[in-house]
Amino acid sequence: MVKKIIFNNVILIAIVIATINSAFSADITVNDIINKMQQNLTGMNDIKSGAVATTYMGTQLNTMTQKMNYYFKKPDKIKIEILTPVKQTMVIIGENMTIKTVDGKISTMNLKQMMGGMGMNQQYFGADMTSMLKNYNITLDETLSDKINNIYTMTLVPKEVSQSSSTMGAFIPLKIEIFVDYNKGIIIKQKIYSKGNTPMAITEVKDTRQIEGIWFPIITQSTTFLPNNQQMQSEMRFENVQVNTGIGDGEFETK
């Protein structure tokens, strides 16, 4: 009799948990997730930090380490100032990136095609995460989500795809999977795919930190799958992150 009661109680608890999980997951929508990401950044106007990027291809014997300064200002300004081993400055405003090399040469490019509509400033610190709804058809992937830990996976398919005739046309992002920590409101993993569901890049956040009430990715690791079947591994570590220091627009001018 006791065993039967225990068994019935276990079944009842399982049913209750399943019901709660079902009800909870039904409440979480794509809009909820994006709004949660937006809320995390509400009090952030600008970011200033140091960073160290380590990159290698094939084996770690061919490692390159870059030290840099990183700046971000709402709504869409990024500056990456590489200090070593070769000085170079990249400024991103909206969809356009300007690169200035140590010899003073300046070149520009458009990032929309390269990033599949998601600019670098939208990935982690974007001022308007809701703009993803304008650029993508977004679905919530229940099978890849980890509801126990409040990790939700969304699949993003660009509404517009550039039909490039170049050899790089096969490497235009056609699908992006983002894994969002709903409790923190940040992307903790991202997978980008090209034609034929071929992986282009995988980025995963290895460490996060809450600064001035805002959650930031502090360490990210990436694997980029190159056209020649090689893989490039990289790690980015942000250091001495400062929030709302009052960065002026002049910081993002390229002269």
Protein backbone atom coordinates (compact mmCIF):
# COMPACT_ATOMS: atom_id res chain seq x y z
CA MET A 1 0.00 0.00 0.00
CA VAL A 2 2.83 2.39 0.92
CA LYS A 3 4.65 1.62 -2.34
CA LYS A 4 1.47 2.32 -4.27
CA ILE A 5 1.04 5.69 -2.55
CA ILE A 6 4.67 6.65 -3.25
CA PHE A 7 4.32 5.56 -6.87
CA ASN A 8 1.12 7.56 -7.26
CA ASN A 9 2.77 10.61 -5.68
CA VAL A 10 5.74 10.33 -8.06
CA ILE A 11 3.37 10.15 -11.02
CA LEU A 12 1.40 13.13 -9.69
CA ILE A 13 4.58 15.21 -9.24
CA ALA A 14 5.72 14.31 -12.76
CA ILE A 15 2.36 15.38 -14.16
CA VAL A 16 2.46 18.66 -12.24
CA ILE A 17 6.02 19.41 -13.44
CA ALA A 18 5.10 18.54 -17.03
CA THR A 19 2.02 20.77 -16.80
CA ILE A 20 4.04 23.66 -15.39
CA ASN A 21 6.73 23.27 -18.04
CA SER A 22 4.11 23.10 -20.76
CA ALA A 23 2.32 26.18 -19.48
CA PHE A 24 5.58 28.08 -19.06
CA SER A 25 6.88 27.26 -22.53
CA ALA A 26 3.53 28.22 -24.01
CA ASP A 27 3.91 31.66 -22.43
CA ILE A 28 7.34 32.32 -23.93
CA THR A 29 7.20 33.73 -27.46
CA VAL A 30 9.70 35.12 -29.95
CA ASN A 31 8.60 38.64 -29.00
CA ASP A 32 9.13 37.87 -25.31
CA ILE A 33 12.68 36.68 -25.93
CA ILE A 34 13.64 39.66 -28.08
CA ASN A 35 12.07 42.08 -25.60
CA LYS A 36 14.01 40.39 -22.79
CA MET A 37 17.24 40.98 -24.74
CA GLN A 38 16.20 44.58 -25.27
CA GLN A 39 15.46 45.09 -21.57
CA ASN A 40 18.95 43.95 -20.60
CA LEU A 41 20.43 46.85 -22.56
CA THR A 42 17.92 49.55 -21.64
CA GLY A 43 20.24 51.33 -19.22
CA MET A 44 23.32 51.12 -21.45
CA ASN A 45 24.27 54.07 -23.67
CA ASP A 46 27.91 53.27 -24.39
CA ILE A 47 30.66 50.77 -23.65
CA LYS A 48 34.41 51.16 -23.45
CA SER A 49 36.76 48.26 -22.82
CA GLY A 50 40.04 46.62 -23.63
CA ALA A 51 40.08 43.26 -25.39
CA VAL A 52 42.45 40.46 -26.35
CA ALA A 53 41.72 38.33 -29.41
CA THR A 54 43.56 35.06 -29.98
CA THR A 55 43.25 33.37 -33.37
CA TYR A 56 44.79 30.28 -34.93
CA MET A 57 44.26 28.00 -37.91
CA GLY A 58 44.90 24.27 -37.89
CA THR A 59 47.11 24.08 -34.82
CA GLN A 60 47.88 26.45 -31.99
CA LEU A 61 51.45 26.76 -33.30
CA ASN A 62 50.15 29.40 -35.72
CA THR A 63 48.59 31.62 -33.06
CA MET A 64 48.09 35.36 -33.50
CA THR A 65 47.24 37.53 -30.49
CA GLN A 66 45.79 40.99 -30.95
CA LYS A 67 45.34 43.58 -28.22
CA MET A 68 42.72 46.22 -28.86
CA ASN A 69 40.40 48.87 -27.49
CA TYR A 70 36.67 48.45 -28.06
CA TYR A 71 34.04 51.22 -28.12
CA PHE A 72 30.28 51.04 -28.63
CA LYS A 73 27.71 53.83 -28.61
CA LYS A 74 24.00 53.66 -29.20
CA PRO A 75 22.39 53.32 -31.55
CA ASP A 76 24.85 51.80 -34.05
CA LYS A 77 28.47 52.90 -33.61
CA ILE A 78 31.40 50.54 -33.01
CA LYS A 79 35.12 51.27 -32.99
CA ILE A 80 37.78 48.57 -32.74
CA GLU A 81 41.27 49.97 -32.33
CA ILE A 82 43.86 47.23 -32.81
CA LEU A 83 47.07 48.08 -30.95
CA THR A 84 49.24 45.00 -31.53
CA PRO A 85 50.80 43.36 -33.46
CA VAL A 86 49.85 45.74 -36.29
CA LYS A 87 47.93 48.95 -35.70
CA GLN A 88 44.59 49.17 -37.47
CA THR A 89 41.28 50.89 -36.78
CA MET A 90 37.81 49.63 -37.74
CA VAL A 91 34.78 51.88 -37.39
CA ILE A 92 31.28 50.54 -37.92
CA ILE A 93 28.34 52.91 -38.22
CA GLY A 94 25.11 51.20 -39.11
CA GLU A 95 25.80 48.75 -41.93
CA ASN A 96 29.03 50.36 -43.11
CA MET A 97 32.53 49.52 -41.92
CA THR A 98 35.58 51.72 -42.50
CA ILE A 99 39.08 50.31 -42.05
CA LYS A 100 42.15 52.48 -41.62
CA THR A 101 45.55 50.78 -41.76
CA VAL A 102 48.80 51.94 -40.22
CA ASP A 103 49.90 53.53 -43.52
CA GLY A 104 46.80 55.75 -43.53
CA LYS A 105 44.90 53.91 -46.26
CA ILE A 106 41.12 53.85 -45.80
CA SER A 107 38.67 51.32 -47.24
CA THR A 108 34.95 50.78 -46.71
CA MET A 109 32.54 47.85 -47.04
CA ASN A 110 28.92 46.98 -46.34
CA LEU A 111 28.29 44.47 -43.57
CA LYS A 112 24.65 43.67 -44.26
CA GLN A 113 25.47 40.97 -46.80
CA MET A 114 28.35 39.60 -44.74
CA MET A 115 26.31 39.30 -41.54
CA GLY A 116 23.08 38.15 -43.15
CA GLY A 117 21.26 41.29 -42.02
CA MET A 118 22.45 41.10 -38.40
CA GLY A 119 25.09 43.73 -37.87
CA MET A 120 27.83 43.25 -35.28
CA ASN A 121 26.12 45.85 -33.12
CA GLN A 122 22.98 43.70 -32.95
CA GLN A 123 24.66 40.51 -31.83
CA TYR A 124 25.35 41.46 -28.23
CA PHE A 125 25.05 45.18 -27.55
CA GLY A 126 22.51 46.31 -30.15
CA ALA A 127 20.41 49.30 -29.29
CA ASP A 128 17.33 47.91 -31.02
CA MET A 129 17.08 44.13 -30.85
CA THR A 130 13.50 44.38 -32.11
CA SER A 131 14.82 45.32 -35.55
CA MET A 132 15.55 41.61 -36.00
CA LEU A 133 11.81 41.21 -36.55
CA LYS A 134 12.09 43.50 -39.59
CA ASN A 135 15.03 41.67 -41.15
CA TYR A 136 14.16 38.04 -40.39
CA ASN A 137 11.45 35.44 -40.34
CA ILE A 138 11.93 34.12 -36.80
CA THR A 139 10.71 30.89 -35.27
CA LEU A 140 11.17 29.43 -31.80
CA ASP A 141 12.80 26.00 -31.98
CA GLU A 142 11.36 23.87 -29.18
CA THR A 143 13.62 20.88 -29.91
CA LEU A 144 16.87 22.84 -29.46
CA SER A 145 15.69 24.87 -26.46
CA ASP A 146 16.67 23.95 -22.91
CA LYS A 147 13.59 25.02 -20.96
CA ILE A 148 14.90 23.69 -17.64
CA ASN A 149 17.72 26.27 -17.76
CA ASN A 150 15.65 28.90 -19.61
CA ILE A 151 17.76 28.70 -22.76
CA TYR A 152 15.64 29.35 -25.85
CA THR A 153 16.71 28.80 -29.44
CA MET A 154 15.41 30.92 -32.29
CA THR A 155 15.95 30.25 -35.99
CA LEU A 156 16.36 33.37 -38.12
CA VAL A 157 15.98 33.31 -41.90
CA PRO A 158 16.73 36.60 -43.73
CA LYS A 159 13.71 38.07 -45.51
CA GLU A 160 16.01 39.37 -48.23
CA VAL A 161 19.05 37.52 -49.56
CA SER A 162 21.56 39.08 -51.93
CA GLN A 163 21.99 36.97 -55.08
CA SER A 164 25.73 37.42 -55.40
CA SER A 165 27.33 36.01 -58.54
CA SER A 166 30.79 35.96 -56.99
CA THR A 167 32.50 32.89 -55.62
CA MET A 168 31.51 34.08 -52.14
CA GLY A 169 27.85 33.78 -53.04
CA ALA A 170 27.79 30.26 -51.63
CA PHE A 171 28.89 31.64 -48.26
CA ILE A 172 26.14 34.21 -47.74
CA PRO A 173 24.32 33.51 -44.44
CA LEU A 174 20.94 31.90 -45.16
CA LYS A 175 20.06 30.78 -41.64
CA ILE A 176 21.11 31.79 -38.13
CA GLU A 177 20.39 29.94 -34.90
CA ILE A 178 20.72 31.97 -31.72
CA PHE A 179 20.58 30.49 -28.23
CA VAL A 180 19.35 33.04 -25.69
CA ASP A 181 19.76 32.91 -21.92
CA TYR A 182 16.29 34.20 -21.04
CA ASN A 183 17.22 34.96 -17.42
CA LYS A 184 20.05 37.27 -18.50
CA GLY A 185 18.64 38.41 -21.82
CA ILE A 186 21.79 37.72 -23.86
CA ILE A 187 22.82 35.49 -26.73
CA ILE A 188 25.08 32.72 -25.40
CA LYS A 189 25.55 30.82 -28.66
CA GLN A 190 25.14 31.52 -32.35
CA LYS A 191 25.36 29.29 -35.43
CA ILE A 192 25.43 30.68 -38.97
CA TYR A 193 24.66 28.53 -42.00
CA SER A 194 25.06 29.11 -45.74
CA LYS A 195 23.59 27.37 -48.78
CA GLY A 196 22.77 23.69 -48.24
CA ASN A 197 22.67 24.17 -44.46
CA THR A 198 26.48 24.34 -44.49
CA PRO A 199 27.98 25.70 -41.22
CA MET A 200 29.78 29.03 -41.67
CA ALA A 201 30.56 29.99 -38.09
CA ILE A 202 29.78 29.02 -34.51
CA THR A 203 30.27 31.45 -31.62
CA GLU A 204 29.74 30.55 -27.98
CA VAL A 205 29.87 32.76 -24.88
CA LYS A 206 32.08 31.11 -22.26
CA ASP A 207 31.78 33.71 -19.50
CA THR A 208 29.36 36.50 -18.65
CA ARG A 209 29.43 39.32 -16.13
CA GLN A 210 26.87 41.76 -14.81
CA ILE A 211 28.13 45.34 -14.89
CA GLU A 212 25.95 48.25 -13.79
CA GLY A 213 22.98 45.87 -13.85
CA ILE A 214 23.65 44.80 -17.46
CA TRP A 215 24.76 41.31 -18.51
CA PHE A 216 27.72 41.19 -20.90
CA PRO A 217 29.58 38.40 -22.68
CA ILE A 218 33.14 38.58 -21.34
CA ILE A 219 34.73 35.60 -23.11
CA THR A 220 33.57 34.29 -26.49
CA GLN A 221 35.01 31.45 -28.56
CA SER A 222 34.38 31.05 -32.28
CA THR A 223 34.98 28.56 -35.05
CA THR A 224 34.86 29.85 -38.62
CA PHE A 225 34.57 27.34 -41.47
CA LEU A 226 36.56 28.68 -44.44
CA PRO A 227 35.94 28.01 -48.16
CA ASN A 228 39.09 25.86 -48.39
CA ASN A 229 37.74 23.43 -45.76
CA GLN A 230 40.01 24.85 -43.08
CA GLN A 231 38.78 26.00 -39.70
CA MET A 232 39.82 29.16 -37.89
CA GLN A 233 39.54 29.18 -34.10
CA SER A 234 39.38 32.40 -32.14
CA GLU A 235 38.75 33.68 -28.64
CA MET A 236 37.82 37.19 -27.55
CA ARG A 237 38.30 38.37 -23.97
CA PHE A 238 36.92 41.73 -22.87
CA GLU A 239 38.80 43.49 -20.07
CA ASN A 240 38.05 46.47 -17.84
CA VAL A 241 34.55 46.96 -19.25
CA GLN A 242 33.15 50.43 -18.49
CA VAL A 243 29.54 51.45 -19.05
CA ASN A 244 28.10 54.92 -19.76
CA THR A 245 31.34 56.91 -19.72
CA GLY A 246 29.92 59.51 -22.11
CA ILE A 247 31.73 58.60 -25.35
CA GLY A 248 31.41 61.40 -27.92
CA ASP A 249 30.56 60.93 -31.62
CA GLY A 250 34.04 62.19 -32.50
CA GLU A 251 35.48 58.92 -31.25
CA PHE A 252 34.02 57.22 -34.33
CA GLU A 253 35.39 59.59 -36.96
CA THR A 254 37.96 58.17 -39.36
CA LYS A 255 40.51 60.76 -40.47
